[in-house]
Amino acid sequence: MAKKLYVGNLSYSTTEADLTELFGAVGEVVSVNLITDRMTGRSKGFAFVEMAEQSAAVEAVNQLNGREVDGRALKVAEARPARTDRGGDSFRPGRGDRGDRGDRGDRGDRGDSAHRRRY
């Protein structure tokens, strides 16, 4: 069964081919996904490597975590499952749909004219 690994602290110059070669020395690599910025295309400094066998993934973590590549110590660990709770407003993470927005928080009661100050 294939196992996905997180690879962090990568140099911006590290390529998918570099990672395929590095992890291929430990075991069969199924895929490499170097995460890049959408606007610039530049690497964000981390990737996901999928190994064909669980044993190869464990060995890759043991051999490559902390190893220096392109002047940087790699962080290699088992990848966490993808998050499914990413909905909602991108500027307010985790809020999601607020329905009718009835709760106005600390803005006060603007709808009741009896509380308004008259000039």
Protein backbone atom coordinates (compact mmCIF):
# COMPACT_ATOMS: atom_id res chain seq x y z
CA MET A 1 0.00 0.00 0.00
CA ALA A 2 1.33 3.44 -0.95
CA LYS A 3 2.24 5.86 1.83
CA LYS A 4 2.41 9.65 1.48
CA LEU A 5 5.17 11.62 3.19
CA TYR A 6 5.47 15.33 3.96
CA VAL A 7 8.84 16.85 3.06
CA GLY A 8 9.50 20.32 4.48
CA ASN A 9 12.25 22.92 4.76
CA LEU A 10 13.16 22.47 1.10
CA SER A 11 15.38 24.90 -0.73
CA TYR A 12 13.46 26.90 -3.32
CA SER A 13 15.81 25.45 -5.94
CA THR A 14 14.93 21.81 -5.15
CA THR A 15 12.95 20.18 -7.98
CA GLU A 16 10.56 17.24 -8.21
CA ALA A 17 13.31 15.36 -10.09
CA ASP A 18 15.71 15.97 -7.17
CA LEU A 19 13.17 14.54 -4.73
CA THR A 20 12.41 11.55 -6.97
CA GLU A 21 16.12 10.74 -7.10
CA LEU A 22 16.64 11.27 -3.35
CA PHE A 23 13.66 9.15 -2.23
CA GLY A 24 14.19 6.63 -5.06
CA ALA A 25 17.45 5.60 -3.39
CA VAL A 26 15.35 4.37 -0.43
CA GLY A 27 12.44 2.73 -2.31
CA GLU A 28 10.01 3.00 -5.20
CA VAL A 29 8.51 6.48 -5.57
CA VAL A 30 4.92 6.56 -6.83
CA SER A 31 4.60 10.36 -7.09
CA VAL A 32 6.16 13.67 -6.08
CA ASN A 33 4.09 16.84 -5.65
CA LEU A 34 6.21 19.96 -5.09
CA ILE A 35 3.91 22.71 -3.81
CA THR A 36 4.30 26.00 -5.68
CA ASP A 37 2.84 29.49 -5.43
CA ARG A 38 0.00 29.94 -7.92
CA MET A 39 1.02 33.45 -8.91
CA THR A 40 4.80 33.13 -9.19
CA GLY A 41 5.25 29.39 -9.80
CA ARG A 42 8.02 29.44 -7.18
CA SER A 43 8.33 26.56 -4.71
CA LYS A 44 6.75 27.11 -1.29
CA GLY A 45 9.48 24.99 0.30
CA PHE A 46 7.56 21.77 0.88
CA ALA A 47 6.36 18.73 -1.04
CA PHE A 48 4.56 15.43 -0.74
CA VAL A 49 6.26 12.21 -1.80
CA GLU A 50 4.27 9.01 -2.18
CA MET A 51 6.22 5.81 -1.62
CA ALA A 52 5.01 2.45 -3.03
CA GLU A 53 5.50 0.49 0.20
CA GLN A 54 4.89 1.31 3.86
CA SER A 55 8.30 -0.13 4.77
CA ALA A 56 10.03 2.16 2.24
CA ALA A 57 8.18 5.17 3.67
CA VAL A 58 9.32 4.32 7.22
CA GLU A 59 12.88 3.84 5.98
CA ALA A 60 12.75 7.18 4.11
CA VAL A 61 11.69 8.99 7.29
CA ASN A 62 14.50 7.30 9.24
CA GLN A 63 17.19 8.02 6.64
CA LEU A 64 16.17 11.42 5.31
CA ASN A 65 14.64 13.34 8.22
CA GLY A 66 17.25 15.92 9.24
CA ARG A 67 19.49 15.18 6.24
CA GLU A 68 20.98 18.26 4.62
CA VAL A 69 19.95 18.85 0.99
CA ASP A 70 20.87 22.06 -0.86
CA GLY A 71 22.09 23.55 2.40
CA ARG A 72 18.87 22.87 4.37
CA ALA A 73 17.99 20.14 6.89
CA LEU A 74 14.94 18.29 5.56
CA LYS A 75 11.88 17.62 7.65
CA VAL A 76 10.40 14.28 6.58
CA ALA A 77 7.32 12.84 8.27
CA GLU A 78 4.19 10.87 7.53
CA ALA A 79 1.69 13.19 5.82
CA ARG A 80 -1.50 14.02 7.70
CA PRO A 81 -4.84 13.34 5.98
CA ALA A 82 -6.13 16.19 3.82
CA ARG A 83 -8.39 18.63 5.66
CA THR A 84 -12.05 18.64 4.68
CA ASP A 85 -13.16 21.66 6.75
CA ARG A 86 -11.76 24.35 4.48
CA GLY A 87 -15.02 26.11 3.60
CA GLY A 88 -16.05 29.62 4.54
CA ASP A 89 -14.58 33.06 4.14
CA SER A 90 -10.88 32.93 3.25
CA PHE A 91 -10.21 36.02 5.37
CA ARG A 92 -11.89 34.49 8.43
CA PRO A 93 -10.80 30.84 8.57
CA GLY A 94 -13.10 28.40 10.29
CA ARG A 95 -16.20 30.61 10.36
CA GLY A 96 -18.02 28.95 7.47
CA ASP A 97 -21.62 29.82 6.68
CA ARG A 98 -23.18 32.17 9.23
CA GLY A 99 -26.73 31.80 7.92
CA ASP A 100 -28.87 34.91 8.30
CA ARG A 101 -26.13 36.81 10.18
CA GLY A 102 -28.61 37.64 12.94
CA ASP A 103 -25.97 37.88 15.67
CA ARG A 104 -24.25 41.23 15.28
CA GLY A 105 -21.85 40.74 18.18
CA ASP A 106 -20.75 43.91 19.98
CA ARG A 107 -22.15 46.35 17.40
CA GLY A 108 -25.09 47.17 19.60
CA ASP A 109 -28.74 47.12 18.72
CA ARG A 110 -28.96 49.37 15.66
CA GLY A 111 -32.51 48.31 14.79
CA ASP A 112 -34.27 49.67 17.88
CA SER A 113 -34.87 53.43 17.54
CA ALA A 114 -35.64 53.83 21.27
CA HIS A 115 -31.93 53.41 22.04
CA ARG A 116 -30.71 55.89 19.47
CA ARG A 117 -29.41 59.24 20.58
CA ARG A 118 -31.46 62.12 19.25
CA TYR A 119 -29.93 65.45 18.30
